[in-house]
C-alpha atoms as a PDB file:
ATOM      1  CA  MET A   1    -118.163  67.947-103.518  1.00  0.00           C
ATOM      2  CA  ALA A   2    -121.567  68.517-105.102  1.00  0.00           C
ATOM      3  CA  ASP A   3    -122.163  71.563-102.877  1.00  0.00           C
ATOM      4  CA  ALA A   4    -118.754  72.962-103.851  1.00  0.00           C
ATOM      5  CA  GLY A   5    -119.596  72.470-107.523  1.00  0.00           C
ATOM      6  CA  VAL A   6    -122.876  74.349-107.132  1.00  0.00           C
ATOM      7  CA  TYR A   7    -121.071  77.141-105.262  1.00  0.00           C
ATOM      8  CA  TYR A   8    -118.460  77.619-107.986  1.00  0.00           C
ATOM      9  CA  PHE A   9    -121.116  77.389-110.688  1.00  0.00           C
ATOM     10  CA  ARG A  10    -123.021  80.224-109.023  1.00  0.00           C
ATOM     11  CA  ILE A  11    -119.863  82.311-108.807  1.00  0.00           C
ATOM     12  CA  LEU A  12    -119.264  81.787-112.525  1.00  0.00           C
ATOM     13  CA  GLN A  13    -122.881  82.768-113.199  1.00  0.00           C
ATOM     14  CA  SER A  14    -122.416  85.918-111.133  1.00  0.00           C
ATOM     15  CA  LEU A  15    -119.224  86.866-112.970  1.00  0.00           C
ATOM     16  CA  ALA A  16    -120.929  86.290-116.320  1.00  0.00           C
ATOM     17  CA  TYR A  17    -123.844  88.476-115.231  1.00  0.00           C
ATOM     18  CA  ILE A  18    -121.490  91.263-114.112  1.00  0.00           C
ATOM     19  CA  LYS A  19    -119.521  91.042-117.353  1.00  0.00           C
ATOM     20  CA  ASN A  20    -122.688  91.475-119.418  1.00  0.00           C
ATOM     21  CA  ASN A  21    -124.153  94.290-117.300  1.00  0.00           C
ATOM     22  CA  ASN A  22    -122.450  97.581-118.167  1.00  0.00           C
ATOM     23  CA  PHE A  23    -123.594  99.387-115.033  1.00  0.00           C
ATOM     24  CA  VAL A  24    -122.509  96.671-112.596  1.00  0.00           C
ATOM     25  CA  LYS A  25    -119.222  96.155-114.452  1.00  0.00           C
ATOM     26  CA  VAL A  26    -118.319  99.860-114.405  1.00  0.00           C
ATOM     27  CA  PHE A  27    -119.493 100.342-110.821  1.00  0.00           C
ATOM     28  CA  PHE A  28    -117.527  97.351-109.526  1.00  0.00           C
ATOM     29  CA  ALA A  29    -114.397  98.570-111.326  1.00  0.00           C
ATOM     30  CA  PHE A  30    -114.911 101.962-109.688  1.00  0.00           C
ATOM     31  CA  CYS A  31    -115.375 100.320-106.274  1.00  0.00           C
ATOM     32  CA  ALA A  32    -112.243  98.189-106.681  1.00  0.00           C
ATOM     33  CA  VAL A  33    -110.099 101.259-107.364  1.00  0.00           C
ATOM     34  CA  PHE A  34    -111.867 103.175-104.584  1.00  0.00           C
ATOM     35  CA  TYR A  35    -111.140 100.417-102.056  1.00  0.00           C
ATOM     36  CA  ILE A  36    -107.471 100.419-103.035  1.00  0.00           C
ATOM     37  CA  PHE A  37    -106.975 104.101-102.336  1.00  0.00           C
ATOM     38  CA  ILE A  38    -109.036 104.331 -99.148  1.00  0.00           C
ATOM     39  CA  SER A  39    -106.741 101.791 -97.471  1.00  0.00           C
ATOM     40  CA  PRO A  40    -104.286 104.347 -96.001  1.00  0.00           C
ATOM     41  CA  ALA A  41    -107.158 106.325 -94.455  1.00  0.00           C
ATOM     42  CA  ALA A  42    -108.817 103.130 -93.232  1.00  0.00           C
ATOM     43  CA  PHE A  43    -105.806 101.352 -91.748  1.00  0.00           C
ATOM     44  CA  LEU A  44    -102.900 103.758 -91.280  1.00  0.00           C
ATOM     45  CA  THR A  45    -104.511 106.697 -89.475  1.00  0.00           C
ATOM     46  CA  PRO A  46    -104.007 105.145 -85.985  1.00  0.00           C
ATOM     47  CA  LEU A  47    -100.289 104.798 -86.748  1.00  0.00           C
ATOM     48  CA  GLN A  48    -100.228 108.354 -88.111  1.00  0.00           C
ATOM     49  CA  VAL A  49    -101.862 109.700 -84.941  1.00  0.00           C
ATOM     50  CA  THR A  50     -99.366 107.833 -82.775  1.00  0.00           C
ATOM     51  CA  ARG A  51     -96.423 109.212 -84.725  1.00  0.00           C
ATOM     52  CA  SER A  52     -97.644 112.768 -85.237  1.00  0.00           C
ATOM     53  CA  PHE A  53     -99.819 113.609 -82.214  1.00  0.00           C
ATOM     54  CA  GLY A  54     -98.764 111.222 -79.455  1.00  0.00           C
ATOM     55  CA  GLU A  55     -99.189 107.675 -78.173  1.00  0.00           C
ATOM     56  CA  ASP A  56    -101.974 108.475 -75.704  1.00  0.00           C
ATOM     57  CA  VAL A  57    -104.680 105.824 -75.815  1.00  0.00           C
ATOM     58  CA  TRP A  58    -107.429 108.456 -75.669  1.00  0.00           C
ATOM     59  CA  ARG A  59    -106.298 109.836 -79.022  1.00  0.00           C
ATOM     60  CA  LEU A  60    -106.788 106.481 -80.733  1.00  0.00           C
ATOM     61  CA  THR A  61    -110.144 106.096 -79.019  1.00  0.00           C
ATOM     62  CA  ALA A  62    -111.123 109.594 -80.133  1.00  0.00           C
ATOM     63  CA  ILE A  63    -110.548 108.907 -83.835  1.00  0.00           C
ATOM     64  CA  GLU A  64    -112.614 105.717 -83.653  1.00  0.00           C
ATOM     65  CA  VAL A  65    -115.453 107.487 -81.819  1.00  0.00           C
ATOM     66  CA  THR A  66    -115.520 110.508 -84.135  1.00  0.00           C
ATOM     67  CA  PHE A  67    -115.450 108.306 -87.241  1.00  0.00           C
ATOM     68  CA  ALA A  68    -118.350 106.227 -85.899  1.00  0.00           C
ATOM     69  CA  ALA A  69    -120.218 109.411 -84.947  1.00  0.00           C
ATOM     70  CA  GLY A  70    -119.730 110.699 -88.491  1.00  0.00           C
ATOM     71  CA  MET A  71    -121.167 107.488 -89.933  1.00  0.00           C
ATOM     72  CA  MET A  72    -124.213 107.736 -87.681  1.00  0.00           C
ATOM     73  CA  LEU A  73    -124.646 111.407 -88.589  1.00  0.00           C
ATOM     74  CA  GLY A  74    -124.387 110.514 -92.274  1.00  0.00           C
ATOM     75  CA  GLY A  75    -127.097 107.888 -91.844  1.00  0.00           C
ATOM     76  CA  ILE A  76    -129.373 110.376 -90.099  1.00  0.00           C
ATOM     77  CA  ILE A  77    -128.820 113.021 -92.792  1.00  0.00           C
ATOM     78  CA  LEU A  78    -129.501 110.566 -95.625  1.00  0.00           C
ATOM     79  CA  THR A  79    -132.598 109.245 -93.889  1.00  0.00           C
ATOM     80  CA  SER A  80    -134.055 112.738 -93.480  1.00  0.00           C
ATOM     81  CA  TRP A  81    -132.809 114.205 -96.778  1.00  0.00           C
ATOM     82  CA  GLY A  82    -132.776 111.154 -99.032  1.00  0.00           C
ATOM     83  CA  GLY A  83    -129.823 112.306-101.127  1.00  0.00           C
ATOM     84  CA  PHE A  84    -129.986 113.656-104.665  1.00  0.00           C
ATOM     85  CA  ARG A  85    -132.716 112.301-106.911  1.00  0.00           C
ATOM     86  CA  ASN A  86    -129.915 110.775-108.970  1.00  0.00           C
ATOM     87  CA  LYS A  87    -128.151 108.343-106.623  1.00  0.00           C
ATOM     88  CA  ALA A  88    -124.957 108.525-108.693  1.00  0.00           C
ATOM     89  CA  TYR A  89    -124.599 112.186-107.717  1.00  0.00           C
ATOM     90  CA  THR A  90    -124.852 111.328-104.023  1.00  0.00           C
ATOM     91  CA  ILE A  91    -122.166 108.657-104.467  1.00  0.00           C
ATOM     92  CA  ALA A  92    -119.989 111.096-106.424  1.00  0.00           C
ATOM     93  CA  LEU A  93    -120.331 113.840-103.797  1.00  0.00           C
ATOM     94  CA  SER A  94    -119.508 111.434-100.974  1.00  0.00           C
ATOM     95  CA  CYS A  95    -116.458 110.180-102.874  1.00  0.00           C
ATOM     96  CA  LEU A  96    -115.303 113.736-103.545  1.00  0.00           C
ATOM     97  CA  THR A  97    -115.833 114.645 -99.887  1.00  0.00           C
ATOM     98  CA  PHE A  98    -113.962 111.560 -98.688  1.00  0.00           C
ATOM     99  CA  GLY A  99    -111.027 112.432-100.945  1.00  0.00           C
ATOM    100  CA  LEU A 100    -110.838 116.026 -99.728  1.00  0.00           C
ATOM    101  CA  THR A 101    -111.084 115.045 -96.053  1.00  0.00           C
ATOM    102  CA  THR A 102    -108.382 112.414 -96.581  1.00  0.00           C
ATOM    103  CA  VAL A 103    -106.123 115.156 -97.942  1.00  0.00           C
ATOM    104  CA  ALA A 104    -107.035 117.263 -94.909  1.00  0.00           C
ATOM    105  CA  LEU A 105    -106.048 114.408 -92.556  1.00  0.00           C
ATOM    106  CA  GLY A 106    -102.605 114.606 -94.102  1.00  0.00           C
ATOM    107  CA  VAL A 107    -102.103 118.332 -93.565  1.00  0.00           C
ATOM    108  CA  VAL A 108    -103.935 119.502 -90.421  1.00  0.00           C
ATOM    109  CA  PRO A 109    -101.509 120.411 -87.600  1.00  0.00           C
ATOM    110  CA  TRP A 110    -103.974 120.311 -84.665  1.00  0.00           C
ATOM    111  CA  PHE A 111    -105.537 117.171 -83.279  1.00  0.00           C
ATOM    112  CA  TRP A 112    -108.954 118.725 -82.598  1.00  0.00           C
ATOM    113  CA  LEU A 113    -109.152 119.732 -86.263  1.00  0.00           C
ATOM    114  CA  TYR A 114    -108.018 116.232 -87.229  1.00  0.00           C
ATOM    115  CA  LEU A 115    -110.980 114.841 -85.284  1.00  0.00           C
ATOM    116  CA  ALA A 116    -113.358 117.218 -87.066  1.00  0.00           C
ATOM    117  CA  PHE A 117    -112.195 115.966 -90.461  1.00  0.00           C
ATOM    118  CA  MET A 118    -112.354 112.363 -89.221  1.00  0.00           C
ATOM    119  CA  THR A 119    -116.017 112.956 -88.396  1.00  0.00           C
ATOM    120  CA  ILE A 120    -116.675 114.251 -91.915  1.00  0.00           C
ATOM    121  CA  THR A 121    -114.819 111.234 -93.307  1.00  0.00           C
ATOM    122  CA  GLY A 122    -117.189 108.903 -91.471  1.00  0.00           C
ATOM    123  CA  LEU A 123    -120.132 110.888 -92.793  1.00  0.00           C
ATOM    124  CA  ALA A 124    -118.811 110.528 -96.351  1.00  0.00           C
ATOM    125  CA  VAL A 125    -118.420 106.751 -95.985  1.00  0.00           C
ATOM    126  CA  SER A 126    -122.027 106.444 -94.832  1.00  0.00           C
ATOM    127  CA  ALA A 127    -123.179 108.661 -97.706  1.00  0.00           C
ATOM    128  CA  PHE A 128    -121.308 106.385-100.142  1.00  0.00           C
ATOM    129  CA  ASN A 129    -122.541 103.033 -98.853  1.00  0.00           C
ATOM    130  CA  SER A 130    -126.273 103.700 -98.554  1.00  0.00           C
ATOM    131  CA  PRO A 131    -126.993 104.949-102.107  1.00  0.00           C
ATOM    132  CA  ALA A 132    -124.560 102.395-103.567  1.00  0.00           C
ATOM    133  CA  ILE A 133    -126.510  99.531-101.970  1.00  0.00           C
ATOM    134  CA  ALA A 134    -129.839 101.087-102.985  1.00  0.00           C
ATOM    135  CA  LEU A 135    -128.648 101.547-106.564  1.00  0.00           C
ATOM    136  CA  LEU A 136    -127.521  97.933-106.851  1.00  0.00           C
ATOM    137  CA  GLN A 137    -130.841  96.745-105.443  1.00  0.00           C
ATOM    138  CA  GLN A 138    -132.616  98.943-107.967  1.00  0.00           C
ATOM    139  CA  LYS A 139    -130.627  97.866-111.020  1.00  0.00           C
ATOM    140  CA  VAL A 140    -129.882  94.184-110.360  1.00  0.00           C
ATOM    141  CA  GLU A 141    -132.570  91.555-110.865  1.00  0.00           C
ATOM    142  CA  GLY A 142    -133.758  89.959-107.649  1.00  0.00           C
ATOM    143  CA  GLU A 143    -132.451  86.480-108.476  1.00  0.00           C
ATOM    144  CA  TYR A 144    -128.911  87.872-108.906  1.00  0.00           C
ATOM    145  CA  GLN A 145    -128.819  90.380-106.057  1.00  0.00           C
ATOM    146  CA  GLY A 146    -127.406  88.012-103.458  1.00  0.00           C
ATOM    147  CA  ARG A 147    -124.680  86.815-105.812  1.00  0.00           C
ATOM    148  CA  VAL A 148    -123.775  90.321-106.975  1.00  0.00           C
ATOM    149  CA  PHE A 149    -123.517  91.600-103.409  1.00  0.00           C
ATOM    150  CA  GLY A 150    -121.423  88.541-102.611  1.00  0.00           C
ATOM    151  CA  VAL A 151    -118.977  89.418-105.402  1.00  0.00           C
ATOM    152  CA  LEU A 152    -118.837  93.015-104.148  1.00  0.00           C
ATOM    153  CA  GLY A 153    -118.013  91.714-100.673  1.00  0.00           C
ATOM    154  CA  MET A 154    -115.295  89.507-102.178  1.00  0.00           C
ATOM    155  CA  ILE A 155    -113.805  92.513-103.986  1.00  0.00           C
ATOM    156  CA  GLN A 156    -113.737  94.571-100.802  1.00  0.00           C
ATOM    157  CA  SER A 157    -112.371  91.786 -98.604  1.00  0.00           C
ATOM    158  CA  ALA A 158    -109.627  91.001-101.131  1.00  0.00           C
ATOM    159  CA  VAL A 159    -108.623  94.434-102.431  1.00  0.00           C
ATOM    160  CA  MET A 160    -108.267  96.294 -99.141  1.00  0.00           C
ATOM    161  CA  PRO A 161    -105.995  93.766 -97.374  1.00  0.00           C
ATOM    162  CA  LEU A 162    -103.881  93.365-100.522  1.00  0.00           C
ATOM    163  CA  SER A 163    -103.473  97.111-100.904  1.00  0.00           C
ATOM    164  CA  THR A 164    -102.513  97.324 -97.233  1.00  0.00           C
ATOM    165  CA  LEU A 165     -99.648  94.929 -97.989  1.00  0.00           C
ATOM    166  CA  VAL A 166     -98.330  97.693-100.248  1.00  0.00           C
ATOM    167  CA  PHE A 167     -99.195 100.804 -98.239  1.00  0.00           C
ATOM    168  CA  GLY A 168     -98.195  99.271 -94.892  1.00  0.00           C
ATOM    169  CA  PRO A 169     -94.500  98.758 -95.705  1.00  0.00           C
ATOM    170  CA  LEU A 170     -94.480 102.121 -97.512  1.00  0.00           C
ATOM    171  CA  ALA A 171     -95.394 103.757 -94.202  1.00  0.00           C
ATOM    172  CA  ASP A 172     -91.861 102.982 -93.018  1.00  0.00           C
ATOM    173  CA  VAL A 173     -90.387 104.729 -96.047  1.00  0.00           C
ATOM    174  CA  ILE A 174     -92.853 107.502 -96.859  1.00  0.00           C
ATOM    175  CA  ARG A 175     -94.646 109.707 -94.352  1.00  0.00           C
ATOM    176  CA  ILE A 176     -98.244 108.598 -93.896  1.00  0.00           C
ATOM    177  CA  GLU A 177     -99.307 112.211 -94.376  1.00  0.00           C
ATOM    178  CA  TRP A 178     -97.941 112.143 -97.920  1.00  0.00           C
ATOM    179  CA  MET A 179     -99.805 108.926 -98.668  1.00  0.00           C
ATOM    180  CA  LEU A 180    -103.042 110.431 -97.367  1.00  0.00           C
ATOM    181  CA  ILE A 181    -102.565 113.518 -99.506  1.00  0.00           C
ATOM    182  CA  GLY A 182    -101.783 111.477-102.628  1.00  0.00           C
ATOM    183  CA  THR A 183    -104.560 108.915-102.248  1.00  0.00           C
ATOM    184  CA  GLY A 184    -107.028 111.604-101.170  1.00  0.00           C
ATOM    185  CA  MET A 185    -106.371 113.590-104.322  1.00  0.00           C
ATOM    186  CA  ILE A 186    -106.925 110.479-106.452  1.00  0.00           C
ATOM    187  CA  ILE A 187    -110.218 109.717-104.683  1.00  0.00           C
ATOM    188  CA  ALA A 188    -111.373 113.328-105.075  1.00  0.00           C
ATOM    189  CA  ILE A 189    -110.606 113.177-108.803  1.00  0.00           C
ATOM    190  CA  MET A 190    -112.546 109.897-109.040  1.00  0.00           C
ATOM    191  CA  GLY A 191    -115.513 111.564-107.371  1.00  0.00           C
ATOM    192  CA  ALA A 192    -115.369 114.538-109.727  1.00  0.00           C
ATOM    193  CA  MET A 193    -115.146 112.234-112.749  1.00  0.00           C
ATOM    194  CA  LEU A 194    -118.120 110.217-111.514  1.00  0.00           C
ATOM    195  CA  PHE A 195    -120.349 113.258-112.020  1.00  0.00           C
ATOM    196  CA  GLY A 196    -119.672 112.904-115.747  1.00  0.00           C
ATOM    197  CA  ASN A 197    -119.753 109.112-116.063  1.00  0.00           C
ATOM    198  CA  ARG A 198    -122.663 108.531-118.449  1.00  0.00           C
ATOM    199  CA  ILE A 199    -123.233 104.880-117.523  1.00  0.00           C
ATOM    200  CA  LEU A 200    -123.405 105.468-113.772  1.00  0.00           C
ATOM    201  CA  VAL A 201    -125.322 108.738-114.026  1.00  0.00           C
ATOM    202  CA  GLU A 202    -127.881 107.099-116.308  1.00  0.00           C
ATOM    203  CA  ALA A 203    -128.236 104.186-113.886  1.00  0.00           C
ATOM    204  CA  GLY A 204    -128.632 106.572-110.968  1.00  0.00           C
ATOM    205  CA  LYS A 205    -131.691 108.317-112.371  1.00  0.00           C
ATOM    206  CA  PRO A 206    -134.875 107.806-110.333  1.00  0.00           C
ATOM    207  CA  VAL A 207    -137.153 105.035-111.527  1.00  0.00           C
ATOM    208  CA  PRO A 208    -140.387 106.451-112.983  1.00  0.00           C
ATOM    209  CA  GLU A 209    -143.415 105.637-110.891  1.00  0.00           C
ATOM    210  CA  GLN A 210    -145.672 103.037-112.443  1.00  0.00           C
ATOM    211  CA  PRO A 211    -149.258 104.226-112.947  1.00  0.00           C
ATOM    212  CA  GLU A 212    -151.762 102.369-110.810  1.00  0.00           C
END
């Protein structure tokens, strides 16, 4: 019981910290909305491929492999390039790219082209995650980092399954392609708006080097 009390007390501390930190509050709100609208691309593309391109097992394997390859490629590119000096711009570009490729997944008529866009989608996810984690580590005090990342994990693990409860049944009423187009456009708009978000852009600026 005592351990449970300490656990809940720490959660309340984390929520209070997030509430009083404008950057973390705005960024977590952005992430929550982002996780809602990436759900069709994350969970419904195998069903879309089965319905639109065929039930062959190799097709489902191919989309998993190309997505994973895109994530690895994104990691390699970020490692060698480092992203924009302002991390918020890297996050914004990856979000914009993810939105546009999600739209593309809803309109391309050929499976090989579908796989190409799936690769770029994986790249965009990798380009979103890495600077987002680095930015949180940069802006959140060390004693709160574990708790803040824990809350972010809670948001992701709660929002995506709950949104799937909505988008999943809709897949039997609305074509998945239309959902990908709609959610992709929303994500692309979010990415474009992020370029002008003063709080996140200010937080994303490089930290000045301390003189020795």
